[in-house]
Amino acid sequence: MSTTLNFTTVFQYEEHTVTYGNSSDVKQIFYLAAGPLLGPLLIFMHGWPGISLEWYPQLQYFAALGFRVIAPDMPGYGRSTARHIISDYTQEQIMKGMLALLADTGRDQAIWIGHDQGANTLWTLANTQPQVFRAAAGISVPYNSLELGLVELLSSVNRQIYPIDRYPYGQWSYMVYDDTNYDNVTAWFDSDILGIMKLIHTLGSPDDVGKPAFTSDVVRDGGWLGGAPAPPKPEDTPDSAVHLIPPVFNAVVAAMENTTFGPGNAWFRNEAANRAFNLANNKNNLTLDIPVFFVNAYWDAICDTVTGNLADRMRRTCSDLTEVVINAGHWVNADQPEKVNSAMERWIFEKVTDFWPGRALPTL
């Protein structure tokens, strides 16, 4: 059933752009596509900071199995609309772009997959537009967490690792700081995009387990990395530590240099609005009855779903939940693509059997 592919090269994808909105507020979503046109549809949503091409190990793998795979540049990134307007990046607005993308495929359902802030969109869609889901797969960020805002995240902080008097915001200190210092933080990231992108996109380490995350002191220090005046220089992070292959990493950096960090950072400014939207518009009392797959990244000190409490609510509110734990950091889908791909493949085959290639063909 499994297939083996070489993830050290990037193959050719179809490139598409869908326009949505109205005459006074036109936006675009750019997306990559591959695989048979009539194959079961998988939609992959990336997180902060990134572009569609970061999903290359999954796109290549599942296209070869016969799935139709799609990955958008999420709003604010790459070749999608990336305006410096904070309200563009509420989940309510982001979701409109994803629904326009789905409509552009001619389908009415998909298996949706999200990582990091892409999982924020995934779970918001699942809460408020369940009719577009055959199933959902989250990576690193669990259901009923980020989409419910900072108040939900703070309620799950592991106070054994983060005593409240020392770490009042736990690992989420960076979100508090970034929200109240948006302009300064964005300028700091923009001052050396290559340097900060190398640091962000590094392999995880087992040494991070059970220790405070590097994001837990940002408020106290008055900035990232101990309040450093600038991001680390590119040469401070070895090329070998970056989990993306060079052509993909270079494409991600070029995309971020084009849009700058402003639009991507704006996603974090809307956590209260996202919570209100999910609470007011969820269709099933913040529970999911569709098949749900979740990848726990064991070495992820920020989204600590293994030794911490972040995923507890998901486990209570998903009636058909399958989980795997993989020894990797936050970027587990890039760090350990073979393990992520094979686990997701098995889940689809066993839990979403009717969506396996060849079982049923859609009508377009």
Protein backbone atom coordinates (compact mmCIF):
# COMPACT_ATOMS: atom_id res chain seq x y z
CA MET A 1 0.00 0.00 0.00
CA SER A 2 2.80 2.45 0.84
CA THR A 3 4.98 4.08 -1.76
CA THR A 4 8.57 5.28 -1.48
CA LEU A 5 9.57 8.59 -3.03
CA ASN A 6 12.64 10.79 -3.10
CA PHE A 7 11.90 13.97 -1.15
CA THR A 8 15.23 15.62 -2.00
CA THR A 9 13.84 17.05 -5.24
CA VAL A 10 10.74 19.06 -6.04
CA PHE A 11 8.60 18.00 -8.97
CA GLN A 12 6.37 20.11 -11.17
CA TYR A 13 2.96 21.21 -9.94
CA GLU A 14 -0.02 22.80 -11.58
CA GLU A 15 -0.38 26.44 -10.56
CA HIS A 16 -3.81 27.98 -10.07
CA THR A 17 -5.24 31.28 -8.87
CA VAL A 18 -8.80 31.82 -7.68
CA THR A 19 -10.32 35.27 -7.26
CA TYR A 20 -12.97 35.89 -4.62
CA GLY A 21 -14.68 38.71 -2.76
CA ASN A 22 -16.66 41.52 -4.37
CA SER A 23 -15.89 44.37 -6.74
CA SER A 24 -14.77 46.64 -3.90
CA ASP A 25 -12.70 44.02 -2.09
CA VAL A 26 -11.09 41.59 -4.53
CA LYS A 27 -8.67 38.99 -3.18
CA GLN A 28 -6.80 36.04 -4.66
CA ILE A 29 -5.67 32.64 -3.45
CA PHE A 30 -2.77 30.99 -5.26
CA TYR A 31 -2.52 27.23 -4.98
CA LEU A 32 -0.48 24.27 -6.15
CA ALA A 33 -2.18 21.11 -7.37
CA ALA A 34 -1.03 17.64 -8.39
CA GLY A 35 -2.39 14.16 -8.86
CA PRO A 36 -5.32 12.82 -10.89
CA LEU A 37 -8.05 15.38 -11.52
CA LEU A 38 -10.70 12.95 -10.29
CA GLY A 39 -8.73 11.62 -7.33
CA PRO A 40 -10.07 12.05 -3.78
CA LEU A 41 -9.33 15.61 -2.70
CA LEU A 42 -6.81 16.51 0.01
CA ILE A 43 -6.26 20.19 0.90
CA PHE A 44 -3.11 21.11 2.85
CA MET A 45 -2.95 24.42 4.76
CA HIS A 46 0.44 25.68 5.96
CA GLY A 47 1.20 27.75 9.03
CA TRP A 48 3.41 30.66 10.11
CA PRO A 49 5.61 31.58 8.30
CA GLY A 50 5.43 29.62 5.07
CA ILE A 51 4.02 28.91 1.63
CA SER A 52 2.28 26.04 -0.13
CA LEU A 53 5.52 24.45 -1.34
CA GLU A 54 6.45 23.48 2.22
CA TRP A 55 4.01 20.57 1.85
CA TYR A 56 6.12 19.08 -0.96
CA PRO A 57 6.73 15.70 0.80
CA GLN A 58 3.00 15.23 1.32
CA LEU A 59 1.94 16.54 -2.09
CA GLN A 60 4.39 14.29 -3.89
CA TYR A 61 3.52 11.23 -1.81
CA PHE A 62 -0.26 11.42 -1.90
CA ALA A 63 -0.41 12.45 -5.57
CA ALA A 64 1.53 9.27 -6.36
CA LEU A 65 -1.10 7.25 -4.48
CA GLY A 66 -3.85 8.66 -6.68
CA PHE A 67 -5.16 11.54 -4.59
CA ARG A 68 -5.86 14.99 -5.95
CA VAL A 69 -3.70 17.20 -3.72
CA ILE A 70 -3.93 20.95 -3.29
CA ALA A 71 -1.92 23.38 -1.17
CA PRO A 72 -2.66 27.10 -1.12
CA ASP A 73 -0.44 29.97 -0.22
CA MET A 74 -2.55 30.98 2.76
CA PRO A 75 -3.83 34.58 2.89
CA GLY A 76 -0.94 36.92 3.62
CA TYR A 77 1.70 34.65 2.11
CA GLY A 78 3.41 33.95 -1.19
CA ARG A 79 1.37 34.68 -4.28
CA SER A 80 -1.95 35.05 -2.46
CA THR A 81 -3.26 38.48 -1.51
CA ALA A 82 -1.01 39.85 1.24
CA ARG A 83 -2.34 43.24 2.26
CA HIS A 84 -1.18 44.95 5.44
CA ILE A 85 -4.71 45.05 6.85
CA ILE A 86 -5.12 43.33 10.22
CA SER A 87 -8.79 42.44 9.68
CA ASP A 88 -7.92 40.47 6.52
CA TYR A 89 -6.51 37.79 8.79
CA THR A 90 -9.38 36.92 11.08
CA GLN A 91 -10.30 33.28 10.65
CA GLU A 92 -13.71 34.41 9.43
CA GLN A 93 -12.02 36.15 6.49
CA ILE A 94 -9.36 33.50 5.90
CA MET A 95 -12.06 30.85 5.74
CA LYS A 96 -13.70 32.66 2.82
CA GLY A 97 -10.55 32.15 0.79
CA MET A 98 -10.49 28.44 1.57
CA LEU A 99 -14.14 28.02 0.59
CA ALA A 100 -13.42 29.84 -2.68
CA LEU A 101 -10.52 27.46 -3.28
CA LEU A 102 -12.77 24.44 -2.70
CA ALA A 103 -15.37 25.84 -5.08
CA ASP A 104 -12.67 26.32 -7.71
CA THR A 105 -12.01 22.56 -7.66
CA GLY A 106 -15.64 21.77 -8.44
CA ARG A 107 -15.90 19.63 -5.32
CA ASP A 108 -18.09 20.04 -2.26
CA GLN A 109 -15.98 18.04 0.24
CA ALA A 110 -12.35 17.23 1.00
CA ILE A 111 -10.08 15.85 3.64
CA TRP A 112 -8.59 19.06 5.03
CA ILE A 113 -5.13 19.05 6.64
CA GLY A 114 -3.61 21.89 8.65
CA HIS A 115 -0.35 22.59 10.47
CA ASP A 116 0.34 25.40 12.96
CA GLN A 117 -1.82 28.42 12.00
CA GLY A 118 -3.16 26.32 9.14
CA ALA A 119 -4.71 24.15 11.85
CA ASN A 120 -6.35 27.28 13.25
CA THR A 121 -8.15 27.55 9.91
CA LEU A 122 -8.77 23.80 9.78
CA TRP A 123 -10.60 23.70 13.11
CA THR A 124 -12.51 26.92 12.43
CA LEU A 125 -13.74 25.44 9.17
CA ALA A 126 -14.67 22.18 10.90
CA ASN A 127 -16.61 24.07 13.57
CA THR A 128 -18.49 26.41 11.27
CA GLN A 129 -18.62 24.69 7.85
CA PRO A 130 -18.74 20.96 8.66
CA GLN A 131 -20.50 20.18 5.37
CA VAL A 132 -17.24 20.66 3.43
CA PHE A 133 -15.43 17.94 5.40
CA ARG A 134 -15.12 14.25 4.77
CA ALA A 135 -12.44 14.19 7.48
CA ALA A 136 -9.87 16.44 9.18
CA ALA A 137 -6.18 16.02 9.98
CA GLY A 138 -4.31 18.36 12.31
CA ILE A 139 -0.57 18.53 12.86
CA SER A 140 0.94 20.00 16.04
CA VAL A 141 -2.04 22.26 16.88
CA PRO A 142 -5.04 20.30 18.25
CA TYR A 143 -8.76 20.92 17.95
CA ASN A 144 -10.34 23.29 20.49
CA SER A 145 -7.14 25.17 21.22
CA LEU A 146 -5.75 27.97 19.04
CA GLU A 147 -9.05 28.73 17.28
CA LEU A 148 -10.56 29.49 20.70
CA GLY A 149 -8.01 32.19 21.41
CA LEU A 150 -5.40 32.99 24.00
CA VAL A 151 -7.73 32.38 26.93
CA GLU A 152 -8.05 28.74 25.87
CA LEU A 153 -4.30 28.35 25.36
CA LEU A 154 -3.53 29.81 28.79
CA SER A 155 -5.96 27.42 30.45
CA SER A 156 -3.89 24.49 29.16
CA VAL A 157 -0.45 25.69 30.30
CA ASN A 158 1.46 23.00 32.19
CA ARG A 159 2.19 24.81 35.46
CA GLN A 160 4.72 22.20 36.50
CA ILE A 161 6.94 23.46 33.70
CA TYR A 162 5.68 27.04 33.83
CA PRO A 163 5.03 28.21 37.43
CA ILE A 164 2.55 31.06 37.18
CA ASP A 165 4.66 33.54 39.16
CA ARG A 166 7.64 33.02 36.82
CA TYR A 167 5.85 32.29 33.54
CA PRO A 168 2.40 33.91 33.71
CA TYR A 169 1.77 33.27 30.01
CA GLY A 170 3.58 29.96 29.76
CA GLN A 171 4.91 29.18 26.31
CA TRP A 172 2.42 31.68 24.84
CA SER A 173 4.32 34.75 26.05
CA TYR A 174 5.33 35.50 22.47
CA MET A 175 1.68 35.80 21.42
CA VAL A 176 0.96 38.32 24.16
CA TYR A 177 4.03 40.35 23.25
CA ASP A 178 3.47 40.21 19.50
CA ASP A 179 -0.14 41.36 19.88
CA THR A 180 0.80 44.46 21.86
CA ASN A 181 4.03 45.22 19.98
CA TYR A 182 3.03 44.28 16.43
CA ASP A 183 4.90 47.04 14.58
CA ASN A 184 8.14 46.58 16.51
CA VAL A 185 8.04 42.79 16.27
CA THR A 186 7.34 42.88 12.55
CA ALA A 187 10.19 45.33 11.95
CA TRP A 188 12.48 43.07 13.99
CA PHE A 189 11.63 40.01 11.88
CA ASP A 190 11.90 42.00 8.66
CA SER A 191 15.37 43.27 9.55
CA ASP A 192 16.93 39.90 8.68
CA ILE A 193 14.42 37.59 7.06
CA LEU A 194 16.98 35.00 5.99
CA GLY A 195 18.47 34.84 9.47
CA ILE A 196 15.18 34.47 11.32
CA MET A 197 13.80 31.99 8.77
CA LYS A 198 16.82 29.74 9.24
CA LEU A 199 16.27 29.81 12.99
CA ILE A 200 12.52 29.17 12.74
CA HIS A 201 12.90 26.31 10.28
CA THR A 202 15.34 24.22 12.27
CA LEU A 203 15.05 20.58 13.25
CA GLY A 204 13.61 19.77 16.66
CA SER A 205 15.53 18.18 19.52
CA PRO A 206 14.61 15.73 22.29
CA ASP A 207 16.43 18.09 24.65
CA ASP A 208 13.42 20.44 24.43
CA VAL A 209 10.99 18.00 26.08
CA GLY A 210 9.82 19.01 29.55
CA LYS A 211 11.62 22.37 29.52
CA PRO A 212 10.31 25.92 29.11
CA ALA A 213 10.04 26.89 25.45
CA PHE A 214 12.22 29.69 24.13
CA THR A 215 9.00 31.67 23.56
CA SER A 216 8.10 31.77 27.27
CA ASP A 217 10.13 34.86 28.26
CA VAL A 218 9.35 37.22 25.38
CA VAL A 219 7.17 39.55 27.48
CA ARG A 220 9.63 39.60 30.39
CA ASP A 221 12.60 40.20 28.08
CA GLY A 222 10.86 42.87 26.05
CA GLY A 223 11.41 41.01 22.80
CA TRP A 224 12.36 37.75 21.14
CA LEU A 225 15.52 35.82 21.99
CA GLY A 226 16.19 37.63 25.23
CA GLY A 227 15.30 41.00 23.76
CA ALA A 228 18.04 40.76 21.15
CA PRO A 229 18.33 43.93 19.03
CA ALA A 230 18.24 41.89 15.81
CA PRO A 231 17.54 38.32 14.68
CA PRO A 232 20.46 35.90 14.47
CA LYS A 233 22.58 36.22 11.37
CA PRO A 234 22.20 33.54 8.69
CA GLU A 235 25.63 32.11 9.46
CA ASP A 236 24.61 31.58 13.10
CA THR A 237 22.35 28.68 12.07
CA PRO A 238 24.06 25.84 10.17
CA ASP A 239 22.51 24.99 6.82
CA SER A 240 22.36 21.37 7.96
CA ALA A 241 19.95 22.32 10.76
CA VAL A 242 17.26 23.55 8.35
CA HIS A 243 14.58 20.93 7.78
CA LEU A 244 13.61 22.09 4.27
CA ILE A 245 15.56 21.15 1.16
CA PRO A 246 17.44 24.15 -0.32
CA PRO A 247 15.14 24.93 -3.29
CA VAL A 248 12.08 24.93 -1.03
CA PHE A 249 13.74 26.92 1.75
CA ASN A 250 15.00 29.47 -0.77
CA ALA A 251 11.49 29.80 -2.22
CA VAL A 252 10.01 30.32 1.26
CA VAL A 253 12.59 33.00 2.09
CA ALA A 254 12.01 34.78 -1.22
CA ALA A 255 8.26 34.75 -0.60
CA MET A 256 8.69 36.22 2.88
CA GLU A 257 11.05 38.89 1.56
CA ASN A 258 8.34 39.84 -0.93
CA THR A 259 5.38 40.01 1.47
CA THR A 260 7.41 40.80 4.62
CA PHE A 261 6.26 39.46 7.98
CA GLY A 262 3.45 41.99 8.45
CA PRO A 263 0.58 39.97 6.95
CA GLY A 264 1.68 36.69 8.52
CA ASN A 265 2.12 38.27 11.94
CA ALA A 266 -1.33 39.83 11.61
CA TRP A 267 -2.86 36.36 12.01
CA PHE A 268 -1.87 36.57 15.69
CA ARG A 269 -3.64 39.92 16.18
CA ASN A 270 -7.08 38.38 15.79
CA GLU A 271 -7.18 35.68 18.47
CA ALA A 272 -10.07 37.32 20.39
CA ALA A 273 -12.12 37.76 17.20
CA ASN A 274 -11.42 34.16 16.24
CA ARG A 275 -12.65 32.91 19.60
CA ALA A 276 -15.84 34.95 19.33
CA PHE A 277 -16.46 33.73 15.78
CA ASN A 278 -16.02 30.06 16.70
CA LEU A 279 -18.20 30.34 19.80
CA ALA A 280 -20.98 32.13 17.95
CA ASN A 281 -21.00 30.11 14.74
CA ASN A 282 -20.04 26.52 15.59
CA LYS A 283 -22.55 23.98 14.35
CA ASN A 284 -22.12 21.10 16.80
CA ASN A 285 -21.39 22.54 20.25
CA LEU A 286 -17.62 22.51 19.64
CA THR A 287 -17.53 18.77 19.02
CA LEU A 288 -16.57 16.81 15.89
CA ASP A 289 -18.16 13.57 14.72
CA ILE A 290 -16.16 13.25 11.49
CA PRO A 291 -12.98 11.15 11.40
CA VAL A 292 -10.16 13.23 12.91
CA PHE A 293 -6.44 12.47 12.69
CA PHE A 294 -3.86 14.22 14.84
CA VAL A 295 -0.07 14.16 14.76
CA ASN A 296 1.57 14.86 18.12
CA ALA A 297 5.12 16.18 17.71
CA TYR A 298 6.79 14.86 20.87
CA TRP A 299 9.68 17.34 20.85
CA ASP A 300 7.47 20.40 20.29
CA ALA A 301 7.91 22.50 23.45
CA ILE A 302 5.39 25.15 22.39
CA CYS A 303 2.52 22.97 21.18
CA ASP A 304 3.12 20.42 23.92
CA THR A 305 0.40 17.85 23.32
CA VAL A 306 2.20 14.82 24.78
CA THR A 307 3.42 15.80 28.25
CA GLY A 308 1.18 18.88 28.53
CA ASN A 309 -2.56 19.52 28.51
CA LEU A 310 -3.01 21.27 25.18
CA ALA A 311 -4.78 18.37 23.45
CA ASP A 312 -6.97 17.29 26.37
CA ARG A 313 -10.07 19.10 25.14
CA MET A 314 -9.68 17.64 21.65
CA ARG A 315 -9.62 14.16 23.14
CA ARG A 316 -12.91 14.82 24.92
CA THR A 317 -14.71 16.38 21.97
CA CYS A 318 -13.79 14.26 18.92
CA SER A 319 -15.83 11.06 18.73
CA ASP A 320 -13.66 9.41 16.04
CA LEU A 321 -10.11 10.47 16.87
CA THR A 322 -6.91 8.74 15.74
CA GLU A 323 -3.58 9.97 17.11
CA VAL A 324 0.06 9.24 16.48
CA VAL A 325 3.12 10.47 18.38
CA ILE A 326 6.25 11.14 16.34
CA ASN A 327 9.68 12.03 17.71
CA ALA A 328 10.18 15.38 16.02
CA GLY A 329 9.83 19.09 16.62
CA HIS A 330 7.07 21.46 15.62
CA TRP A 331 7.70 21.02 11.89
CA VAL A 332 7.10 17.28 12.10
CA ASN A 333 5.59 17.04 8.62
CA ALA A 334 8.92 18.27 7.21
CA ASP A 335 11.23 16.70 9.82
CA GLN A 336 9.73 13.21 9.52
CA PRO A 337 7.71 13.15 6.29
CA GLU A 338 7.86 9.39 5.82
CA LYS A 339 6.34 8.77 9.26
CA VAL A 340 3.69 11.44 8.88
CA ASN A 341 2.76 10.27 5.39
CA SER A 342 2.52 6.58 6.24
CA ALA A 343 0.45 7.26 9.37
CA MET A 344 -1.94 9.52 7.48
CA GLU A 345 -2.17 7.04 4.62
CA ARG A 346 -3.14 4.25 7.01
CA TRP A 347 -5.71 6.47 8.73
CA ILE A 348 -7.40 7.33 5.43
CA PHE A 349 -7.36 3.69 4.33
CA GLU A 350 -8.86 2.47 7.62
CA LYS A 351 -11.09 5.34 8.75
CA VAL A 352 -12.11 7.11 5.53
CA THR A 353 -12.33 4.05 3.33
CA ASP A 354 -14.74 5.53 0.80
CA PHE A 355 -12.19 8.28 0.10
CA TRP A 356 -9.45 5.90 -0.98
CA PRO A 357 -8.42 6.28 -4.66
CA GLY A 358 -10.50 4.04 -6.90
CA ARG A 359 -13.33 3.51 -4.40
CA ALA A 360 -15.51 6.25 -5.84
CA LEU A 361 -15.04 8.86 -8.53
CA PRO A 362 -16.47 12.36 -8.13
CA THR A 363 -18.69 13.95 -10.73
CA LEU A 364 -17.38 17.25 -12.02
